[in-house]
PDB file of N, CA and C in Angstrom:
ATOM      1  N   UNK A   1       0.921  -0.806   0.388  1.00  0.00           N
ATOM      2  CA  UNK A   1       0.324   0.385  -0.026  1.00  0.00           C
ATOM      3  C   UNK A   1       1.099   1.126   0.338  1.00  0.00           C
ATOM      4  N   UNK A   2       0.378   2.311  -0.830  1.00  0.00           N
ATOM      5  CA  UNK A   2       1.109   3.328  -1.235  1.00  0.00           C
ATOM      6  C   UNK A   2       1.042   4.571   0.269  1.00  0.00           C
ATOM      7  N   UNK A   3       2.156   5.087   0.470  1.00  0.00           N
ATOM      8  CA  UNK A   3       2.168   6.021   1.858  1.00  0.00           C
ATOM      9  C   UNK A   3       1.090   6.988   1.236  1.00  0.00           C
ATOM     10  N   UNK A   4       0.146   7.250   1.772  1.00  0.00           N
ATOM     11  CA  UNK A   4      -0.749   8.767   2.003  1.00  0.00           C
ATOM     12  C   UNK A   4      -0.140   9.767   1.824  1.00  0.00           C
ATOM     13  N   UNK A   5       1.200  10.078   2.474  1.00  0.00           N
ATOM     14  CA  UNK A   5       1.705  11.289   2.777  1.00  0.00           C
ATOM     15  C   UNK A   5       2.859  11.573   1.931  1.00  0.00           C
ATOM     16  N   UNK A   6       3.295  10.631   1.075  1.00  0.00           N
ATOM     17  CA  UNK A   6       4.036  10.678   0.052  1.00  0.00           C
ATOM     18  C   UNK A   6       3.717  11.517  -1.281  1.00  0.00           C
ATOM     19  N   UNK A   7       4.652  12.154  -0.959  1.00  0.00           N
ATOM     20  CA  UNK A   7       4.432  13.568  -2.557  1.00  0.00           C
ATOM     21  C   UNK A   7       4.460  12.875  -3.555  1.00  0.00           C
ATOM     22  N   UNK A   8       3.685  13.455  -4.555  1.00  0.00           N
ATOM     23  CA  UNK A   8       3.813  12.940  -6.491  1.00  0.00           C
ATOM     24  C   UNK A   8       5.223  12.915  -6.998  1.00  0.00           C
ATOM     25  N   UNK A   9       5.438  12.215  -7.665  1.00  0.00           N
ATOM     26  CA  UNK A   9       6.805  12.268  -8.535  1.00  0.00           C
ATOM     27  C   UNK A   9       6.663  13.270  -9.820  1.00  0.00           C
ATOM     28  N   UNK A  10       6.829  14.465  -9.270  1.00  0.00           N
ATOM     29  CA  UNK A  10       6.371  15.662 -10.354  1.00  0.00           C
ATOM     30  C   UNK A  10       7.043  15.918 -11.768  1.00  0.00           C
ATOM     31  N   UNK A  11       6.456  16.180 -12.859  1.00  0.00           N
ATOM     32  CA  UNK A  11       6.972  16.235 -13.950  1.00  0.00           C
ATOM     33  C   UNK A  11       7.284  17.304 -14.527  1.00  0.00           C
ATOM     34  N   UNK A  12       8.728  17.410 -15.170  1.00  0.00           N
ATOM     35  CA  UNK A  12       9.058  18.660 -15.934  1.00  0.00           C
ATOM     36  C   UNK A  12       7.922  19.083 -16.985  1.00  0.00           C
ATOM     37  N   UNK A  13       8.503  20.071 -17.960  1.00  0.00           N
ATOM     38  CA  UNK A  13       8.164  20.427 -19.221  1.00  0.00           C
ATOM     39  C   UNK A  13       8.620  19.443 -20.254  1.00  0.00           C
ATOM     40  N   UNK A  14       9.629  19.446 -19.988  1.00  0.00           N
ATOM     41  CA  UNK A  14      10.734  18.485 -20.717  1.00  0.00           C
ATOM     42  C   UNK A  14       9.773  16.762 -20.938  1.00  0.00           C
ATOM     43  N   UNK A  15       9.854  16.736 -19.538  1.00  0.00           N
ATOM     44  CA  UNK A  15       9.233  14.870 -19.429  1.00  0.00           C
ATOM     45  C   UNK A  15       7.604  15.002 -19.897  1.00  0.00           C
ATOM     46  N   UNK A  16       6.891  15.879 -19.491  1.00  0.00           N
ATOM     47  CA  UNK A  16       5.641  16.111 -20.338  1.00  0.00           C
ATOM     48  C   UNK A  16       5.597  15.420 -21.404  1.00  0.00           C
ATOM     49  N   UNK A  17       6.287  16.388 -22.228  1.00  0.00           N
ATOM     50  CA  UNK A  17       6.634  16.892 -23.718  1.00  0.00           C
ATOM     51  C   UNK A  17       6.954  15.556 -23.913  1.00  0.00           C
ATOM     52  N   UNK A  18       8.000  14.685 -23.739  1.00  0.00           N
ATOM     53  CA  UNK A  18       8.139  13.448 -24.137  1.00  0.00           C
ATOM     54  C   UNK A  18       7.005  12.282 -23.957  1.00  0.00           C
ATOM     55  N   UNK A  19       6.675  12.360 -23.000  1.00  0.00           N
ATOM     56  CA  UNK A  19       5.503  11.408 -22.554  1.00  0.00           C
ATOM     57  C   UNK A  19       4.126  11.730 -23.488  1.00  0.00           C
ATOM     58  N   UNK A  20       4.140  12.817 -23.795  1.00  0.00           N
ATOM     59  CA  UNK A  20       3.104  12.796 -24.669  1.00  0.00           C
ATOM     60  C   UNK A  20       3.153  12.779 -25.944  1.00  0.00           C
ATOM     61  N   UNK A  21       4.588  12.955 -26.473  1.00  0.00           N
ATOM     62  CA  UNK A  21       5.090  12.666 -28.017  1.00  0.00           C
ATOM     63  C   UNK A  21       5.021  14.186 -28.465  1.00  0.00           C
ATOM     64  N   UNK A  22       5.250  15.016 -28.120  1.00  0.00           N
ATOM     65  CA  UNK A  22       4.927  16.610 -28.212  1.00  0.00           C
ATOM     66  C   UNK A  22       6.208  17.495 -28.227  1.00  0.00           C
ATOM     67  N   UNK A  23       6.227  18.685 -29.022  1.00  0.00           N
ATOM     68  CA  UNK A  23       7.309  19.437 -28.422  1.00  0.00           C
ATOM     69  C   UNK A  23       7.088  20.063 -27.142  1.00  0.00           C
ATOM     70  N   UNK A  24       8.324  20.361 -26.575  1.00  0.00           N
ATOM     71  CA  UNK A  24       7.886  21.265 -25.713  1.00  0.00           C
ATOM     72  C   UNK A  24       7.334  22.745 -25.759  1.00  0.00           C
ATOM     73  N   UNK A  25       7.807  23.269 -26.977  1.00  0.00           N
ATOM     74  CA  UNK A  25       6.872  24.329 -27.146  1.00  0.00           C
ATOM     75  C   UNK A  25       5.189  24.288 -27.036  1.00  0.00           C
ATOM     76  N   UNK A  26       4.999  23.200 -27.720  1.00  0.00           N
ATOM     77  CA  UNK A  26       3.220  22.669 -27.408  1.00  0.00           C
ATOM     78  C   UNK A  26       2.790  22.652 -25.955  1.00  0.00           C
ATOM     79  N   UNK A  27       3.699  22.599 -25.306  1.00  0.00           N
ATOM     80  CA  UNK A  27       3.385  22.149 -23.579  1.00  0.00           C
ATOM     81  C   UNK A  27       3.495  23.486 -23.310  1.00  0.00           C
ATOM     82  N   UNK A  28       4.373  24.561 -24.000  1.00  0.00           N
ATOM     83  CA  UNK A  28       4.374  25.806 -22.904  1.00  0.00           C
ATOM     84  C   UNK A  28       3.513  26.676 -23.432  1.00  0.00           C
ATOM     85  N   UNK A  29       2.629  26.421 -24.932  1.00  0.00           N
ATOM     86  CA  UNK A  29       1.416  26.915 -25.269  1.00  0.00           C
ATOM     87  C   UNK A  29       0.096  26.469 -24.746  1.00  0.00           C
ATOM     88  N   UNK A  30       0.569  25.531 -24.265  1.00  0.00           N
ATOM     89  CA  UNK A  30      -0.873  24.645 -23.661  1.00  0.00           C
ATOM     90  C   UNK A  30      -0.884  25.261 -22.070  1.00  0.00           C
ATOM     91  N   UNK A  31       0.626  25.581 -21.571  1.00  0.00           N
ATOM     92  CA  UNK A  31       0.418  26.129 -20.102  1.00  0.00           C
ATOM     93  C   UNK A  31      -0.157  27.463 -20.319  1.00  0.00           C
ATOM     94  N   UNK A  32       0.420  28.744 -21.083  1.00  0.00           N
ATOM     95  CA  UNK A  32       0.001  29.564 -21.323  1.00  0.00           C
ATOM     96  C   UNK A  32      -1.522  29.835 -21.666  1.00  0.00           C
ATOM     97  N   UNK A  33      -1.955  29.061 -22.278  1.00  0.00           N
ATOM     98  CA  UNK A  33      -3.441  29.209 -22.294  1.00  0.00           C
ATOM     99  C   UNK A  33      -4.583  28.347 -21.577  1.00  0.00           C
ATOM    100  N   UNK A  34      -3.935  27.772 -20.366  1.00  0.00           N
ATOM    101  CA  UNK A  34      -4.125  27.299 -19.103  1.00  0.00           C
ATOM    102  C   UNK A  34      -5.264  25.968 -19.662  1.00  0.00           C
ATOM    103  N   UNK A  35      -4.877  25.749 -20.070  1.00  0.00           N
ATOM    104  CA  UNK A  35      -5.490  24.021 -20.644  1.00  0.00           C
ATOM    105  C   UNK A  35      -4.768  23.155 -20.282  1.00  0.00           C
ATOM    106  N   UNK A  36      -4.113  22.853 -19.633  1.00  0.00           N
ATOM    107  CA  UNK A  36      -3.622  21.721 -18.783  1.00  0.00           C
ATOM    108  C   UNK A  36      -3.403  22.046 -17.820  1.00  0.00           C
ATOM    109  N   UNK A  37      -3.654  20.931 -16.846  1.00  0.00           N
ATOM    110  CA  UNK A  37      -3.412  21.488 -15.346  1.00  0.00           C
ATOM    111  C   UNK A  37      -1.873  21.639 -15.056  1.00  0.00           C
ATOM    112  N   UNK A  38      -1.692  22.188 -13.970  1.00  0.00           N
ATOM    113  CA  UNK A  38      -0.157  22.339 -13.528  1.00  0.00           C
ATOM    114  C   UNK A  38       0.270  23.055 -12.323  1.00  0.00           C
ATOM    115  N   UNK A  39       1.400  23.246 -11.555  1.00  0.00           N
ATOM    116  CA  UNK A  39       1.635  23.212 -10.374  1.00  0.00           C
ATOM    117  C   UNK A  39       2.993  24.638 -10.610  1.00  0.00           C
ATOM    118  N   UNK A  40       2.474  26.107  -9.767  1.00  0.00           N
ATOM    119  CA  UNK A  40       3.949  26.461 -10.160  1.00  0.00           C
ATOM    120  C   UNK A  40       4.838  26.306  -8.982  1.00  0.00           C
ATOM    121  N   UNK A  41       5.527  25.768  -8.204  1.00  0.00           N
ATOM    122  CA  UNK A  41       7.074  25.811  -7.702  1.00  0.00           C
ATOM    123  C   UNK A  41       7.636  26.865  -7.497  1.00  0.00           C
ATOM    124  N   UNK A  42       7.867  27.861  -6.836  1.00  0.00           N
ATOM    125  CA  UNK A  42       8.545  29.178  -7.507  1.00  0.00           C
ATOM    126  C   UNK A  42       7.938  29.434  -8.772  1.00  0.00           C
ATOM    127  N   UNK A  43       9.310  29.629  -9.311  1.00  0.00           N
ATOM    128  CA  UNK A  43       9.252  30.165 -10.782  1.00  0.00           C
ATOM    129  C   UNK A  43       9.235  28.621 -11.743  1.00  0.00           C
ATOM    130  N   UNK A  44       9.353  27.231 -11.096  1.00  0.00           N
ATOM    131  CA  UNK A  44       9.242  26.328 -11.791  1.00  0.00           C
ATOM    132  C   UNK A  44       7.869  25.781 -12.321  1.00  0.00           C
ATOM    133  N   UNK A  45       7.664  25.486 -13.869  1.00  0.00           N
ATOM    134  CA  UNK A  45       6.302  24.795 -13.693  1.00  0.00           C
ATOM    135  C   UNK A  45       6.595  23.075 -13.348  1.00  0.00           C
ATOM    136  N   UNK A  46       5.512  22.336 -12.921  1.00  0.00           N
ATOM    137  CA  UNK A  46       5.859  21.193 -12.676  1.00  0.00           C
ATOM    138  C   UNK A  46       4.059  20.297 -12.998  1.00  0.00           C
ATOM    139  N   UNK A  47       3.876  19.081 -13.288  1.00  0.00           N
ATOM    140  CA  UNK A  47       3.181  18.442 -13.519  1.00  0.00           C
ATOM    141  C   UNK A  47       2.810  17.266 -13.016  1.00  0.00           C
ATOM    142  N   UNK A  48       1.185  16.977 -11.978  1.00  0.00           N
ATOM    143  CA  UNK A  48       1.067  16.319 -11.203  1.00  0.00           C
ATOM    144  C   UNK A  48       0.870  14.876 -12.440  1.00  0.00           C
ATOM    145  N   UNK A  49       1.491  13.593 -12.374  1.00  0.00           N
ATOM    146  CA  UNK A  49       1.007  12.779 -13.524  1.00  0.00           C
ATOM    147  C   UNK A  49      -0.152  12.168 -13.195  1.00  0.00           C
ATOM    148  N   UNK A  50      -1.186  12.197 -11.999  1.00  0.00           N
ATOM    149  CA  UNK A  50      -2.751  11.471 -12.128  1.00  0.00           C
ATOM    150  C   UNK A  50      -3.411  12.819 -12.614  1.00  0.00           C
ATOM    151  N   UNK A  51      -3.222  13.980 -12.292  1.00  0.00           N
ATOM    152  CA  UNK A  51      -3.821  15.321 -13.069  1.00  0.00           C
ATOM    153  C   UNK A  51      -3.543  15.483 -14.642  1.00  0.00           C
ATOM    154  N   UNK A  52      -2.548  15.032 -14.816  1.00  0.00           N
ATOM    155  CA  UNK A  52      -2.439  14.910 -16.530  1.00  0.00           C
ATOM    156  C   UNK A  52      -3.482  13.874 -16.952  1.00  0.00           C
ATOM    157  N   UNK A  53      -3.361  12.596 -16.110  1.00  0.00           N
ATOM    158  CA  UNK A  53      -3.879  11.475 -16.445  1.00  0.00           C
ATOM    159  C   UNK A  53      -5.573  11.589 -16.576  1.00  0.00           C
ATOM    160  N   UNK A  54      -6.042  12.386 -15.714  1.00  0.00           N
ATOM    161  CA  UNK A  54      -7.492  12.580 -15.497  1.00  0.00           C
ATOM    162  C   UNK A  54      -7.668  13.429 -16.559  1.00  0.00           C
ATOM    163  N   UNK A  55      -6.864  14.750 -16.666  1.00  0.00           N
ATOM    164  CA  UNK A  55      -6.836  15.827 -18.127  1.00  0.00           C
ATOM    165  C   UNK A  55      -7.179  14.793 -19.169  1.00  0.00           C
ATOM    166  N   UNK A  56      -6.178  14.003 -19.576  1.00  0.00           N
ATOM    167  CA  UNK A  56      -6.252  13.634 -21.047  1.00  0.00           C
ATOM    168  C   UNK A  56      -7.768  12.345 -21.451  1.00  0.00           C
ATOM    169  N   UNK A  57      -8.227  11.849 -19.694  1.00  0.00           N
ATOM    170  CA  UNK A  57      -9.536  11.332 -20.147  1.00  0.00           C
ATOM    171  C   UNK A  57     -10.664  12.222 -20.408  1.00  0.00           C
ATOM    172  N   UNK A  58     -10.177  13.245 -19.940  1.00  0.00           N
ATOM    173  CA  UNK A  58     -12.088  14.016 -19.821  1.00  0.00           C
ATOM    174  C   UNK A  58     -11.766  14.866 -21.230  1.00  0.00           C
ATOM    175  N   UNK A  59     -10.187  14.901 -21.862  1.00  0.00           N
ATOM    176  CA  UNK A  59     -10.344  15.442 -23.433  1.00  0.00           C
ATOM    177  C   UNK A  59      -9.914  14.452 -24.142  1.00  0.00           C
ATOM    178  N   UNK A  60     -10.749  12.989 -23.777  1.00  0.00           N
ATOM    179  CA  UNK A  60     -10.644  12.095 -24.909  1.00  0.00           C
ATOM    180  C   UNK A  60     -11.889  12.104 -25.937  1.00  0.00           C
ATOM    181  N   UNK A  61     -11.771  11.992 -27.269  1.00  0.00           N
ATOM    182  CA  UNK A  61     -12.396  11.664 -28.213  1.00  0.00           C
ATOM    183  C   UNK A  61     -13.101  10.645 -28.551  1.00  0.00           C
ATOM    184  N   UNK A  62     -14.141  10.486 -28.390  1.00  0.00           N
ATOM    185  CA  UNK A  62     -14.981   9.099 -28.461  1.00  0.00           C
ATOM    186  C   UNK A  62     -15.132   8.723 -30.091  1.00  0.00           C
ATOM    187  N   UNK A  63     -14.568   7.930 -30.834  1.00  0.00           N
ATOM    188  CA  UNK A  63     -14.470   7.738 -32.205  1.00  0.00           C
ATOM    189  C   UNK A  63     -16.274   7.605 -32.758  1.00  0.00           C
ATOM    190  N   UNK A  64     -16.369   7.995 -33.799  1.00  0.00           N
ATOM    191  CA  UNK A  64     -18.004   8.309 -34.556  1.00  0.00           C
ATOM    192  C   UNK A  64     -18.288   7.043 -35.210  1.00  0.00           C
ATOM    193  N   UNK A  65     -19.585   6.601 -34.801  1.00  0.00           N
ATOM    194  CA  UNK A  65     -20.112   5.389 -35.727  1.00  0.00           C
ATOM    195  C   UNK A  65     -20.199   5.272 -37.154  1.00  0.00           C
ATOM    196  N   UNK A  66     -19.831   4.877 -37.880  1.00  0.00           N
ATOM    197  CA  UNK A  66     -19.755   4.432 -39.091  1.00  0.00           C
ATOM    198  C   UNK A  66     -21.271   3.484 -39.384  1.00  0.00           C
ATOM    199  N   UNK A  67     -21.960   4.638 -40.427  1.00  0.00           N
ATOM    200  CA  UNK A  67     -23.462   4.750 -41.102  1.00  0.00           C
ATOM    201  C   UNK A  67     -22.997   3.164 -41.566  1.00  0.00           C
TER     202      UNK A  67
END
C-alpha cells in the first residue's frame, strides 16, 4: 500500500512533452492558454501525473460510428 503522505513524482515540461510525444513548445502553449493542469513551485512549472491522466481522460474524443 502506498504511503498517503508521500508526494507525487512531479514531471517537468521536458518530461511531459516526451511522455505525450509533443514538442516542448506545445506544452508551453498549453500552459500559457491554461489548457493543462500544472503546479507552480516558485518559478518552476511542474505537472502531477495523476492530474495529467485525468486531464487526458476528460479530453478524450470518442470514435464516431460508421453508418
